[in-house]
Amino acid sequence: MPLISYELYDALLSVHVEEDKARKAAEAVAVFENRFAEIRANLASMKTSVLWLQVFLGLNLTVSFLILGKLFVFTGKP
């Protein structure tokens, strides 16, 4: 059974739209609502991924600067 927006279906029936047309319109709206929900979920997942990339980039830069600092500051000293 396809997804259907019952609120829209009932509203269309209350203004005397044919039942078949009302069902098709409600199904079309439900499909779009489902697509938007999937997009929101994907964006939330991407946001989490970007956050982790920022954390690891910060750690990588910190360790790199510490290593470079050790190489340049402490070289040549006994």
C-alpha atoms as a PDB file:
ATOM      1  CA  MET A   1       0.000   0.000   0.000  1.00  0.00           C
ATOM      2  CA  PRO A   2       1.461   3.344  -0.996  1.00  0.00           C
ATOM      3  CA  LEU A   3       1.986   6.176   1.437  1.00  0.00           C
ATOM      4  CA  ILE A   4      -0.883   8.625   1.647  1.00  0.00           C
ATOM      5  CA  SER A   5      -1.464  11.946   3.368  1.00  0.00           C
ATOM      6  CA  TYR A   6      -4.805  11.333   5.037  1.00  0.00           C
ATOM      7  CA  GLU A   7      -5.211  14.957   6.072  1.00  0.00           C
ATOM      8  CA  LEU A   8      -4.995  16.099   2.464  1.00  0.00           C
ATOM      9  CA  TYR A   9      -7.175  13.217   1.302  1.00  0.00           C
ATOM     10  CA  ASP A  10      -9.900  14.133   3.794  1.00  0.00           C
ATOM     11  CA  ALA A  11      -9.620  17.822   2.925  1.00  0.00           C
ATOM     12  CA  LEU A  12      -9.992  17.119  -0.785  1.00  0.00           C
ATOM     13  CA  LEU A  13     -12.968  14.871  -0.180  1.00  0.00           C
ATOM     14  CA  SER A  14     -14.602  17.556   1.953  1.00  0.00           C
ATOM     15  CA  VAL A  15     -14.513  19.970  -1.006  1.00  0.00           C
ATOM     16  CA  HIS A  16     -16.097  17.331  -3.259  1.00  0.00           C
ATOM     17  CA  VAL A  17     -13.062  16.275  -5.296  1.00  0.00           C
ATOM     18  CA  GLU A  18     -13.429  12.850  -6.899  1.00  0.00           C
ATOM     19  CA  GLU A  19     -12.125  10.039  -4.697  1.00  0.00           C
ATOM     20  CA  ASP A  20      -9.592   8.760  -7.245  1.00  0.00           C
ATOM     21  CA  LYS A  21      -8.147  12.218  -7.854  1.00  0.00           C
ATOM     22  CA  ALA A  22      -8.003  12.938  -4.126  1.00  0.00           C
ATOM     23  CA  ARG A  23      -6.180   9.644  -3.463  1.00  0.00           C
ATOM     24  CA  LYS A  24      -3.642  10.276  -6.237  1.00  0.00           C
ATOM     25  CA  ALA A  25      -2.964  13.819  -5.029  1.00  0.00           C
ATOM     26  CA  ALA A  26      -2.555  12.648  -1.418  1.00  0.00           C
ATOM     27  CA  GLU A  27      -0.177   9.882  -2.507  1.00  0.00           C
ATOM     28  CA  ALA A  28       1.909  12.368  -4.524  1.00  0.00           C
ATOM     29  CA  VAL A  29       2.201  14.713  -1.549  1.00  0.00           C
ATOM     30  CA  ALA A  30       3.159  11.833   0.741  1.00  0.00           C
ATOM     31  CA  VAL A  31       5.916  10.770  -1.654  1.00  0.00           C
ATOM     32  CA  PHE A  32       7.383  14.283  -1.586  1.00  0.00           C
ATOM     33  CA  GLU A  33       7.155  14.422   2.211  1.00  0.00           C
ATOM     34  CA  ASN A  34       8.997  11.096   2.379  1.00  0.00           C
ATOM     35  CA  ARG A  35      11.722  12.413   0.061  1.00  0.00           C
ATOM     36  CA  PHE A  36      12.216  15.481   2.235  1.00  0.00           C
ATOM     37  CA  ALA A  37      12.472  13.314   5.341  1.00  0.00           C
ATOM     38  CA  GLU A  38      15.178  11.227   3.659  1.00  0.00           C
ATOM     39  CA  ILE A  39      17.056  14.376   2.648  1.00  0.00           C
ATOM     40  CA  ARG A  40      16.905  15.676   6.235  1.00  0.00           C
ATOM     41  CA  ALA A  41      18.276  12.368   7.539  1.00  0.00           C
ATOM     42  CA  ASN A  42      21.091  12.410   4.984  1.00  0.00           C
ATOM     43  CA  LEU A  43      21.997  15.996   5.877  1.00  0.00           C
ATOM     44  CA  ALA A  44      22.133  15.126   9.573  1.00  0.00           C
ATOM     45  CA  SER A  45      24.441  12.230   8.775  1.00  0.00           C
ATOM     46  CA  MET A  46      26.659  14.461   6.642  1.00  0.00           C
ATOM     47  CA  LYS A  47      26.782  17.065   9.407  1.00  0.00           C
ATOM     48  CA  THR A  48      28.053  14.429  11.829  1.00  0.00           C
ATOM     49  CA  SER A  49      30.647  13.264   9.311  1.00  0.00           C
ATOM     50  CA  VAL A  50      31.901  16.797   8.770  1.00  0.00           C
ATOM     51  CA  LEU A  51      32.157  17.302  12.523  1.00  0.00           C
ATOM     52  CA  TRP A  52      34.350  14.207  12.845  1.00  0.00           C
ATOM     53  CA  LEU A  53      36.507  15.382   9.928  1.00  0.00           C
ATOM     54  CA  GLN A  54      37.029  18.710  11.696  1.00  0.00           C
ATOM     55  CA  VAL A  55      38.031  16.964  14.921  1.00  0.00           C
ATOM     56  CA  PHE A  56      40.556  14.722  13.199  1.00  0.00           C
ATOM     57  CA  LEU A  57      41.926  17.594  11.113  1.00  0.00           C
ATOM     58  CA  GLY A  58      42.481  19.592  14.293  1.00  0.00           C
ATOM     59  CA  LEU A  59      44.249  16.666  15.948  1.00  0.00           C
ATOM     60  CA  ASN A  60      46.382  16.103  12.868  1.00  0.00           C
ATOM     61  CA  LEU A  61      47.410  19.757  12.688  1.00  0.00           C
ATOM     62  CA  THR A  62      48.226  19.827  16.393  1.00  0.00           C
ATOM     63  CA  VAL A  63      50.440  16.764  16.204  1.00  0.00           C
ATOM     64  CA  SER A  64      52.108  18.042  13.010  1.00  0.00           C
ATOM     65  CA  PHE A  65      52.956  21.394  14.626  1.00  0.00           C
ATOM     66  CA  LEU A  66      54.297  19.656  17.723  1.00  0.00           C
ATOM     67  CA  ILE A  67      56.567  17.478  15.597  1.00  0.00           C
ATOM     68  CA  LEU A  68      57.741  20.439  13.508  1.00  0.00           C
ATOM     69  CA  GLY A  69      58.323  22.460  16.668  1.00  0.00           C
ATOM     70  CA  LYS A  70      60.400  19.697  18.144  1.00  0.00           C
ATOM     71  CA  LEU A  71      62.436  19.372  14.945  1.00  0.00           C
ATOM     72  CA  PHE A  72      63.186  23.073  14.569  1.00  0.00           C
ATOM     73  CA  VAL A  73      63.473  24.200  18.192  1.00  0.00           C
ATOM     74  CA  PHE A  74      65.448  21.348  19.661  1.00  0.00           C
ATOM     75  CA  THR A  75      67.791  20.511  16.764  1.00  0.00           C
ATOM     76  CA  GLY A  76      71.509  21.060  17.343  1.00  0.00           C
ATOM     77  CA  LYS A  77      71.237  21.305  21.093  1.00  0.00           C
ATOM     78  CA  PRO A  78      73.030  18.666  23.218  1.00  0.00           C
END
